[in-house]
Every structure is written in structure tokens, then in C-alpha cells.
């Protein structure tokens, strides 16, 4: 994680220069409103850091990106990060979270937490230790994290890879269903240079009916590498033509 942070820092000047030259204001979303830290409710998990929102906001402005949509004032959700086709995605996604003072946790191998100083950094960043040796136990352990009752937005990338994939991994759905929490889709759109917080989806247990509701919200979203867009999102775009 520290190596990735250094990578992001090194990439920022080059990425920001490229980002500022490829999108005009007319390409911006005309539907979703701007989202600021002041609009994030008290129940939503927060970092509580006074410095990171300032830095995050500055980085977003420097990159020419903005954050739009709405975050419901809820304390728990499974957050989907899509589409994910490049390591550079984090260069925009992470500053947007800092700017909102929003804490979205992700899971990492429990072995990383054996080093005291590293474990403190990982916990601060919202990383949750998880033992991945047993797939069934990972799902139940994730559900148990929500059952504790503490505020938790857990971020997952259902594509499972930065390359093209024919389908999504559906663990996120059964996690949300088992924990009794909604799914909050988030999109990274390189066409409009927006991090978009989309509409909640409450899993009903009928995955065949619920997945299309999620797919539909990503219609028209442009990833950094369009050729790597997952098949479900390609299908939703083709259906709209």
C-alpha cells in the first residue's frame, strides 16, 4: 500500500497534465449535482481529519476532476468501484474520498498487519485484515464486520481485475444481502472527469433482477481503457444505442 501511494504521488504531475487537456466543460454531467464534504451526513463513516480534505480538494481541482451525486446519510453500505481498468484510477478516486472526509474501507491480507508500524498505517487508511485462505470464511467474516454495528462503508471492485472480464464476481451481492446493507455504486468517468456516487440498490435476494439495476447506472460511463470494459457494462452500453 505504501508503494502504491508513492506510485500515485509520482504519477500525479503527468496524469494531471493529461487530464486537464482532454475534456471540455460541456462534457460534464448535467444530471448529478456537485458533491461536497458539507453535504455528507453525520451517519456516514468519516475520517475526521482536518488536513486530508484540504489536500484532496486541491488535488481534484488540479486534475480538473469533480465529485458528483449524493451519499445517503446511512452508516453502512457495500460500495462498488467501477469501472476499474487502470492503476491510475486510484489517483483520482483516493483524493475524492479525502476531499469528502469519507472513509471507505477495503480488505487486505491479514499477514500485512504483522508489522506494528505498517499495521497502524493500514488501519488509519481504512484497511481491514482478512484471512483469504477460505472463500467461505471470507464472506462470513465480512458479514460479521457489519454485524458489529459500527459505521462501515466497505469498498469492493466486482470486476476483480483491471483487464476485460466476461462477468462480475458476485460476492459483493451476497455480502450485502447477508449483512442486510444496501449497495452504493460509484463510477469513475474519464469522459466527464467525474467521480459519481449513484443510487442505492437494496438487494432483494433475486440477484437476476437486482444486477441489471446496478448495471444500468453505469450506462455511458467511460473508463480509462475502454477496451477493458467488462462485458456487462459493454452490454448495457450496446443496448442503449
C-alpha atoms as a PDB file:
ATOM      1  CA  UNK A   1       0.000   0.000   0.000  1.00  0.00           C
ATOM      2  CA  UNK A   2       2.829   2.400   0.790  1.00  0.00           C
ATOM      3  CA  UNK A   3       4.465   1.522  -2.523  1.00  0.00           C
ATOM      4  CA  UNK A   4       1.178   2.244  -4.299  1.00  0.00           C
ATOM      5  CA  UNK A   5       0.881   5.604  -2.519  1.00  0.00           C
ATOM      6  CA  UNK A   6       4.356   6.552  -3.696  1.00  0.00           C
ATOM      7  CA  UNK A   7       3.424   5.445  -7.214  1.00  0.00           C
ATOM      8  CA  UNK A   8       0.356   7.694  -7.153  1.00  0.00           C
ATOM      9  CA  UNK A   9       2.429  10.633  -5.957  1.00  0.00           C
ATOM     10  CA  UNK A  10       4.946  10.107  -8.755  1.00  0.00           C
ATOM     11  CA  UNK A  11       2.208   9.777 -11.379  1.00  0.00           C
ATOM     12  CA  UNK A  12       0.173  12.826 -10.351  1.00  0.00           C
ATOM     13  CA  UNK A  13       2.012  15.553 -12.340  1.00  0.00           C
ATOM     14  CA  UNK A  14       1.899  13.532 -15.578  1.00  0.00           C
ATOM     15  CA  UNK A  15      -1.664  12.335 -15.052  1.00  0.00           C
ATOM     16  CA  UNK A  16      -2.953  15.785 -14.109  1.00  0.00           C
ATOM     17  CA  UNK A  17      -1.383  17.351 -17.201  1.00  0.00           C
ATOM     18  CA  UNK A  18      -3.077  14.765 -19.418  1.00  0.00           C
ATOM     19  CA  UNK A  19      -6.397  15.098 -17.584  1.00  0.00           C
ATOM     20  CA  UNK A  20      -6.613  18.874 -17.972  1.00  0.00           C
ATOM     21  CA  UNK A  21      -6.377  18.703 -21.746  1.00  0.00           C
ATOM     22  CA  UNK A  22      -8.884  16.070 -22.787  1.00  0.00           C
ATOM     23  CA  UNK A  23     -12.312  17.159 -21.510  1.00  0.00           C
ATOM     24  CA  UNK A  24     -14.373  20.305 -22.055  1.00  0.00           C
ATOM     25  CA  UNK A  25     -16.910  21.689 -19.536  1.00  0.00           C
ATOM     26  CA  UNK A  26     -19.730  20.834 -21.966  1.00  0.00           C
ATOM     27  CA  UNK A  27     -18.986  17.133 -21.447  1.00  0.00           C
ATOM     28  CA  UNK A  28     -19.798  17.370 -17.748  1.00  0.00           C
ATOM     29  CA  UNK A  29     -22.738  15.518 -16.254  1.00  0.00           C
ATOM     30  CA  UNK A  30     -25.894  17.644 -16.434  1.00  0.00           C
ATOM     31  CA  UNK A  31     -27.893  15.349 -14.174  1.00  0.00           C
ATOM     32  CA  UNK A  32     -25.917  14.808 -10.988  1.00  0.00           C
ATOM     33  CA  UNK A  33     -25.151  17.764  -8.691  1.00  0.00           C
ATOM     34  CA  UNK A  34     -21.742  18.587  -7.278  1.00  0.00           C
ATOM     35  CA  UNK A  35     -20.980  16.774  -4.038  1.00  0.00           C
ATOM     36  CA  UNK A  36     -19.037  18.449  -1.236  1.00  0.00           C
ATOM     37  CA  UNK A  37     -17.923  17.479   2.251  1.00  0.00           C
ATOM     38  CA  UNK A  38     -20.612  19.692   3.797  1.00  0.00           C
ATOM     39  CA  UNK A  39     -23.296  17.559   2.126  1.00  0.00           C
ATOM     40  CA  UNK A  40     -22.118  14.298   3.683  1.00  0.00           C
ATOM     41  CA  UNK A  41     -24.369  13.353   6.601  1.00  0.00           C
ATOM     42  CA  UNK A  42     -23.384  12.642  10.206  1.00  0.00           C
ATOM     43  CA  UNK A  43     -24.097   8.915   9.978  1.00  0.00           C
ATOM     44  CA  UNK A  44     -21.698   8.329   7.081  1.00  0.00           C
ATOM     45  CA  UNK A  45     -18.258   6.963   8.098  1.00  0.00           C
ATOM     46  CA  UNK A  46     -15.796   9.860   8.264  1.00  0.00           C
ATOM     47  CA  UNK A  47     -12.040  10.101   8.637  1.00  0.00           C
ATOM     48  CA  UNK A  48     -12.239  13.086  10.939  1.00  0.00           C
ATOM     49  CA  UNK A  49      -9.002  14.535   9.609  1.00  0.00           C
ATOM     50  CA  UNK A  50      -8.848  18.295   9.023  1.00  0.00           C
ATOM     51  CA  UNK A  51      -5.874  18.241   6.666  1.00  0.00           C
ATOM     52  CA  UNK A  52      -6.754  15.494   4.181  1.00  0.00           C
ATOM     53  CA  UNK A  53      -9.962  17.215   2.878  1.00  0.00           C
ATOM     54  CA  UNK A  54      -7.938  20.311   2.014  1.00  0.00           C
ATOM     55  CA  UNK A  55      -5.287  18.279   0.217  1.00  0.00           C
ATOM     56  CA  UNK A  56      -7.879  16.097  -1.525  1.00  0.00           C
ATOM     57  CA  UNK A  57      -9.852  19.120  -2.763  1.00  0.00           C
ATOM     58  CA  UNK A  58      -6.707  20.754  -4.113  1.00  0.00           C
ATOM     59  CA  UNK A  59      -5.666  17.601  -5.957  1.00  0.00           C
ATOM     60  CA  UNK A  60      -9.115  17.228  -7.539  1.00  0.00           C
ATOM     61  CA  UNK A  61      -9.081  20.837  -8.748  1.00  0.00           C
ATOM     62  CA  UNK A  62      -5.544  20.438 -10.080  1.00  0.00           C
ATOM     63  CA  UNK A  63      -6.626  17.357 -12.013  1.00  0.00           C
ATOM     64  CA  UNK A  64      -9.741  19.064 -13.381  1.00  0.00           C
ATOM     65  CA  UNK A  65     -11.983  16.409 -11.805  1.00  0.00           C
ATOM     66  CA  UNK A  66     -15.003  16.750  -9.548  1.00  0.00           C
ATOM     67  CA  UNK A  67     -17.227  14.580  -7.369  1.00  0.00           C
ATOM     68  CA  UNK A  68     -20.962  14.452  -8.104  1.00  0.00           C
ATOM     69  CA  UNK A  69     -24.098  12.678  -6.939  1.00  0.00           C
ATOM     70  CA  UNK A  70     -25.379  12.039  -3.443  1.00  0.00           C
ATOM     71  CA  UNK A  71     -24.319   9.938  -0.470  1.00  0.00           C
ATOM     72  CA  UNK A  72     -27.334   8.822   1.599  1.00  0.00           C
ATOM     73  CA  UNK A  73     -26.996   9.541   5.299  1.00  0.00           C
ATOM     74  CA  UNK A  74     -26.512   5.911   6.299  1.00  0.00           C
ATOM     75  CA  UNK A  75     -23.814   4.266   8.387  1.00  0.00           C
ATOM     76  CA  UNK A  76     -23.265   1.024   6.455  1.00  0.00           C
ATOM     77  CA  UNK A  77     -23.079   0.026   2.799  1.00  0.00           C
ATOM     78  CA  UNK A  78     -21.189  -2.091   0.309  1.00  0.00           C
ATOM     79  CA  UNK A  79     -19.569   0.379  -2.096  1.00  0.00           C
ATOM     80  CA  UNK A  80     -18.838  -0.673  -5.676  1.00  0.00           C
ATOM     81  CA  UNK A  81     -15.881   0.898  -7.506  1.00  0.00           C
ATOM     82  CA  UNK A  82     -16.375   0.651 -11.286  1.00  0.00           C
ATOM     83  CA  UNK A  83     -15.136   0.517 -13.927  1.00  0.00           C
ATOM     84  CA  UNK A  84     -11.594  -0.309 -12.835  1.00  0.00           C
ATOM     85  CA  UNK A  85      -9.288  -0.637 -15.848  1.00  0.00           C
ATOM     86  CA  UNK A  86      -6.082   1.080 -14.679  1.00  0.00           C
ATOM     87  CA  UNK A  87      -3.801   1.624 -11.696  1.00  0.00           C
ATOM     88  CA  UNK A  88      -4.291   5.331 -12.356  1.00  0.00           C
ATOM     89  CA  UNK A  89      -7.926   5.101 -11.211  1.00  0.00           C
ATOM     90  CA  UNK A  90      -6.759   5.458  -7.629  1.00  0.00           C
ATOM     91  CA  UNK A  91      -5.031   8.753  -8.423  1.00  0.00           C
ATOM     92  CA  UNK A  92      -8.488  10.280  -8.830  1.00  0.00           C
ATOM     93  CA  UNK A  93     -10.569   8.095  -6.525  1.00  0.00           C
ATOM     94  CA  UNK A  94      -8.456   8.486  -3.381  1.00  0.00           C
ATOM     95  CA  UNK A  95      -8.294  12.330  -3.455  1.00  0.00           C
ATOM     96  CA  UNK A  96     -12.079  12.438  -3.953  1.00  0.00           C
ATOM     97  CA  UNK A  97     -12.578  10.406  -0.765  1.00  0.00           C
ATOM     98  CA  UNK A  98     -10.162  12.621   1.159  1.00  0.00           C
ATOM     99  CA  UNK A  99     -11.931  15.744  -0.108  1.00  0.00           C
ATOM    100  CA  UNK A 100     -15.249  14.436   1.235  1.00  0.00           C
ATOM    101  CA  UNK A 101     -13.656  13.291   4.502  1.00  0.00           C
ATOM    102  CA  UNK A 102     -15.221   9.951   3.589  1.00  0.00           C
ATOM    103  CA  UNK A 103     -13.886   6.683   4.990  1.00  0.00           C
ATOM    104  CA  UNK A 104     -14.313   3.706   2.677  1.00  0.00           C
ATOM    105  CA  UNK A 105     -12.622   0.578   3.984  1.00  0.00           C
ATOM    106  CA  UNK A 106     -11.151  -2.183   1.853  1.00  0.00           C
ATOM    107  CA  UNK A 107      -9.883  -5.642   2.729  1.00  0.00           C
ATOM    108  CA  UNK A 108      -6.284  -6.870   2.648  1.00  0.00           C
ATOM    109  CA  UNK A 109      -4.377  -9.983   3.684  1.00  0.00           C
ATOM    110  CA  UNK A 110      -4.141 -10.307   7.449  1.00  0.00           C
ATOM    111  CA  UNK A 111      -0.417 -11.091   7.176  1.00  0.00           C
ATOM    112  CA  UNK A 112       0.285  -7.456   6.280  1.00  0.00           C
ATOM    113  CA  UNK A 113      -0.743  -6.456   9.791  1.00  0.00           C
ATOM    114  CA  UNK A 114       2.036  -8.379  11.492  1.00  0.00           C
ATOM    115  CA  UNK A 115       4.386  -5.379  11.291  1.00  0.00           C
ATOM    116  CA  UNK A 116       3.344  -2.913  14.043  1.00  0.00           C
ATOM    117  CA  UNK A 117       4.084   0.368  12.241  1.00  0.00           C
ATOM    118  CA  UNK A 118       2.637  -0.878   8.972  1.00  0.00           C
ATOM    119  CA  UNK A 119      -0.491  -2.145  10.697  1.00  0.00           C
ATOM    120  CA  UNK A 120      -1.109   1.289  12.238  1.00  0.00           C
ATOM    121  CA  UNK A 121      -0.860   2.902   8.805  1.00  0.00           C
ATOM    122  CA  UNK A 122      -3.183   0.304   7.262  1.00  0.00           C
ATOM    123  CA  UNK A 123      -5.805   0.761   9.980  1.00  0.00           C
ATOM    124  CA  UNK A 124      -5.632   4.551   9.509  1.00  0.00           C
ATOM    125  CA  UNK A 125      -6.218   4.114   5.779  1.00  0.00           C
ATOM    126  CA  UNK A 126      -9.303   2.009   6.489  1.00  0.00           C
ATOM    127  CA  UNK A 127      -7.797  -1.339   5.529  1.00  0.00           C
ATOM    128  CA  UNK A 128      -9.476  -4.336   7.179  1.00  0.00           C
ATOM    129  CA  UNK A 129      -7.432  -7.515   7.799  1.00  0.00           C
ATOM    130  CA  UNK A 130      -8.984 -10.623   6.306  1.00  0.00           C
ATOM    131  CA  UNK A 131      -7.853 -14.242   6.024  1.00  0.00           C
ATOM    132  CA  UNK A 132      -8.349 -15.222   2.375  1.00  0.00           C
ATOM    133  CA  UNK A 133      -7.396 -18.889   2.708  1.00  0.00           C
ATOM    134  CA  UNK A 134     -11.037 -19.972   2.820  1.00  0.00           C
ATOM    135  CA  UNK A 135     -13.530 -18.259   0.490  1.00  0.00           C
ATOM    136  CA  UNK A 136     -16.491 -19.175   2.652  1.00  0.00           C
ATOM    137  CA  UNK A 137     -14.887 -17.772   5.771  1.00  0.00           C
ATOM    138  CA  UNK A 138     -14.009 -14.539   3.950  1.00  0.00           C
ATOM    139  CA  UNK A 139     -17.668 -13.916   3.123  1.00  0.00           C
ATOM    140  CA  UNK A 140     -18.816 -14.680   6.652  1.00  0.00           C
ATOM    141  CA  UNK A 141     -16.005 -12.644   8.196  1.00  0.00           C
ATOM    142  CA  UNK A 142     -17.022  -9.700   6.010  1.00  0.00           C
ATOM    143  CA  UNK A 143     -20.651 -10.054   7.062  1.00  0.00           C
ATOM    144  CA  UNK A 144     -19.528 -10.185  10.687  1.00  0.00           C
ATOM    145  CA  UNK A 145     -17.728  -6.851  10.248  1.00  0.00           C
ATOM    146  CA  UNK A 146     -21.087  -5.262   9.508  1.00  0.00           C
ATOM    147  CA  UNK A 147     -22.892  -7.139  12.271  1.00  0.00           C
ATOM    148  CA  UNK A 148     -20.701  -5.422  14.867  1.00  0.00           C
ATOM    149  CA  UNK A 149     -22.838  -2.377  14.154  1.00  0.00           C
ATOM    150  CA  UNK A 150     -20.091   0.216  13.719  1.00  0.00           C
ATOM    151  CA  UNK A 151     -20.182   2.627  10.752  1.00  0.00           C
ATOM    152  CA  UNK A 152     -18.697   0.840   7.752  1.00  0.00           C
ATOM    153  CA  UNK A 153     -18.573   1.557   4.044  1.00  0.00           C
ATOM    154  CA  UNK A 154     -16.787  -1.449   2.532  1.00  0.00           C
ATOM    155  CA  UNK A 155     -15.356  -0.875  -0.939  1.00  0.00           C
ATOM    156  CA  UNK A 156     -15.180  -3.708  -3.476  1.00  0.00           C
ATOM    157  CA  UNK A 157     -14.314  -3.981  -7.182  1.00  0.00           C
ATOM    158  CA  UNK A 158     -16.639  -6.697  -8.566  1.00  0.00           C
ATOM    159  CA  UNK A 159     -14.803  -6.877 -11.890  1.00  0.00           C
ATOM    160  CA  UNK A 160     -11.949  -8.478  -9.958  1.00  0.00           C
ATOM    161  CA  UNK A 161      -9.326  -7.392 -12.472  1.00  0.00           C
ATOM    162  CA  UNK A 162      -8.159  -4.349 -14.425  1.00  0.00           C
ATOM    163  CA  UNK A 163      -8.426  -6.365 -17.643  1.00  0.00           C
ATOM    164  CA  UNK A 164     -11.508  -7.324 -19.640  1.00  0.00           C
ATOM    165  CA  UNK A 165     -13.765  -9.844 -17.933  1.00  0.00           C
ATOM    166  CA  UNK A 166     -16.925 -11.577 -19.129  1.00  0.00           C
ATOM    167  CA  UNK A 167     -18.727 -11.285 -15.794  1.00  0.00           C
ATOM    168  CA  UNK A 168     -18.553  -9.733 -12.344  1.00  0.00           C
ATOM    169  CA  UNK A 169     -17.702 -11.572  -9.160  1.00  0.00           C
ATOM    170  CA  UNK A 170     -20.956 -11.697  -7.207  1.00  0.00           C
ATOM    171  CA  UNK A 171     -19.534 -11.935  -3.692  1.00  0.00           C
ATOM    172  CA  UNK A 172     -20.372  -8.264  -3.118  1.00  0.00           C
ATOM    173  CA  UNK A 173     -24.067  -9.019  -3.633  1.00  0.00           C
ATOM    174  CA  UNK A 174     -24.225 -11.904  -1.179  1.00  0.00           C
ATOM    175  CA  UNK A 175     -22.190  -9.903   1.301  1.00  0.00           C
ATOM    176  CA  UNK A 176     -24.689  -7.036   1.193  1.00  0.00           C
ATOM    177  CA  UNK A 177     -27.612  -9.475   1.341  1.00  0.00           C
ATOM    178  CA  UNK A 178     -26.172 -11.391   4.287  1.00  0.00           C
ATOM    179  CA  UNK A 179     -25.263  -8.235   6.196  1.00  0.00           C
ATOM    180  CA  UNK A 180     -28.602  -6.567   5.451  1.00  0.00           C
ATOM    181  CA  UNK A 181     -26.989  -3.438   3.979  1.00  0.00           C
ATOM    182  CA  UNK A 182     -27.559  -1.576   0.698  1.00  0.00           C
ATOM    183  CA  UNK A 183     -25.208  -1.415  -2.275  1.00  0.00           C
ATOM    184  CA  UNK A 184     -23.839   2.006  -3.249  1.00  0.00           C
ATOM    185  CA  UNK A 185     -22.465   2.088  -6.822  1.00  0.00           C
ATOM    186  CA  UNK A 186     -19.677   4.567  -7.564  1.00  0.00           C
ATOM    187  CA  UNK A 187     -18.421   5.314 -11.076  1.00  0.00           C
ATOM    188  CA  UNK A 188     -15.188   6.804 -12.366  1.00  0.00           C
ATOM    189  CA  UNK A 189     -15.956   8.513 -15.683  1.00  0.00           C
ATOM    190  CA  UNK A 190     -12.979   9.681 -17.729  1.00  0.00           C
ATOM    191  CA  UNK A 191     -15.209  11.316 -20.322  1.00  0.00           C
ATOM    192  CA  UNK A 192     -16.727  13.810 -17.886  1.00  0.00           C
ATOM    193  CA  UNK A 193     -13.850  13.613 -15.378  1.00  0.00           C
ATOM    194  CA  UNK A 194     -16.245  12.795 -12.559  1.00  0.00           C
ATOM    195  CA  UNK A 195     -16.323  10.510  -9.572  1.00  0.00           C
ATOM    196  CA  UNK A 196     -20.039   9.715  -9.433  1.00  0.00           C
ATOM    197  CA  UNK A 197     -21.951   8.473  -6.392  1.00  0.00           C
ATOM    198  CA  UNK A 198     -25.017   6.760  -7.838  1.00  0.00           C
ATOM    199  CA  UNK A 199     -28.331   5.464  -6.440  1.00  0.00           C
ATOM    200  CA  UNK A 200     -28.582   2.844  -3.709  1.00  0.00           C
ATOM    201  CA  UNK A 201     -29.660  -0.669  -4.600  1.00  0.00           C
ATOM    202  CA  UNK A 202     -31.221  -2.782  -1.838  1.00  0.00           C
ATOM    203  CA  UNK A 203     -30.595  -6.485  -2.509  1.00  0.00           C
ATOM    204  CA  UNK A 204     -33.826  -8.477  -2.512  1.00  0.00           C
ATOM    205  CA  UNK A 205     -32.315 -11.932  -2.812  1.00  0.00           C
ATOM    206  CA  UNK A 206     -33.214 -12.109  -6.502  1.00  0.00           C
ATOM    207  CA  UNK A 207     -29.783 -11.481  -7.999  1.00  0.00           C
ATOM    208  CA  UNK A 208     -31.023 -11.861 -11.580  1.00  0.00           C
ATOM    209  CA  UNK A 209     -33.412  -8.952 -11.007  1.00  0.00           C
ATOM    210  CA  UNK A 210     -31.078  -6.798  -8.931  1.00  0.00           C
ATOM    211  CA  UNK A 211     -27.881  -6.911 -11.006  1.00  0.00           C
ATOM    212  CA  UNK A 212     -29.452  -5.161 -14.036  1.00  0.00           C
ATOM    213  CA  UNK A 213     -30.431  -2.279 -11.716  1.00  0.00           C
ATOM    214  CA  UNK A 214     -26.740  -1.841 -10.915  1.00  0.00           C
ATOM    215  CA  UNK A 215     -25.514  -2.306 -14.489  1.00  0.00           C
ATOM    216  CA  UNK A 216     -27.954   0.332 -15.765  1.00  0.00           C
ATOM    217  CA  UNK A 217     -26.436   3.038 -13.580  1.00  0.00           C
ATOM    218  CA  UNK A 218     -23.096   2.674 -15.384  1.00  0.00           C
ATOM    219  CA  UNK A 219     -24.543   3.285 -18.831  1.00  0.00           C
ATOM    220  CA  UNK A 220     -22.274   5.619 -20.783  1.00  0.00           C
ATOM    221  CA  UNK A 221     -19.503   5.685 -18.174  1.00  0.00           C
ATOM    222  CA  UNK A 222     -16.116   5.825 -19.905  1.00  0.00           C
ATOM    223  CA  UNK A 223     -13.134   4.056 -18.268  1.00  0.00           C
ATOM    224  CA  UNK A 224      -9.503   4.982 -18.852  1.00  0.00           C
ATOM    225  CA  UNK A 225      -9.132   1.929 -21.109  1.00  0.00           C
ATOM    226  CA  UNK A 226     -12.465   1.355 -22.932  1.00  0.00           C
ATOM    227  CA  UNK A 227     -11.223  -1.884 -24.493  1.00  0.00           C
ATOM    228  CA  UNK A 228     -11.009  -3.378 -20.989  1.00  0.00           C
ATOM    229  CA  UNK A 229     -14.603  -2.554 -20.037  1.00  0.00           C
ATOM    230  CA  UNK A 230     -16.307  -5.613 -18.555  1.00  0.00           C
ATOM    231  CA  UNK A 231     -18.887  -7.395 -20.690  1.00  0.00           C
ATOM    232  CA  UNK A 232     -21.929  -6.483 -18.528  1.00  0.00           C
ATOM    233  CA  UNK A 233     -21.126  -2.782 -18.966  1.00  0.00           C
ATOM    234  CA  UNK A 234     -20.444  -3.225 -22.667  1.00  0.00           C
ATOM    235  CA  UNK A 235     -23.838  -4.906 -22.989  1.00  0.00           C
ATOM    236  CA  UNK A 236     -25.649  -2.075 -21.203  1.00  0.00           C
ATOM    237  CA  UNK A 237     -23.979   0.474 -23.485  1.00  0.00           C
ATOM    238  CA  UNK A 238     -24.791  -1.502 -26.629  1.00  0.00           C
ATOM    239  CA  UNK A 239     -28.417  -1.862 -25.568  1.00  0.00           C
ATOM    240  CA  UNK A 240     -28.725   1.909 -25.322  1.00  0.00           C
ATOM    241  CA  UNK A 241     -27.546   2.514 -28.886  1.00  0.00           C
END
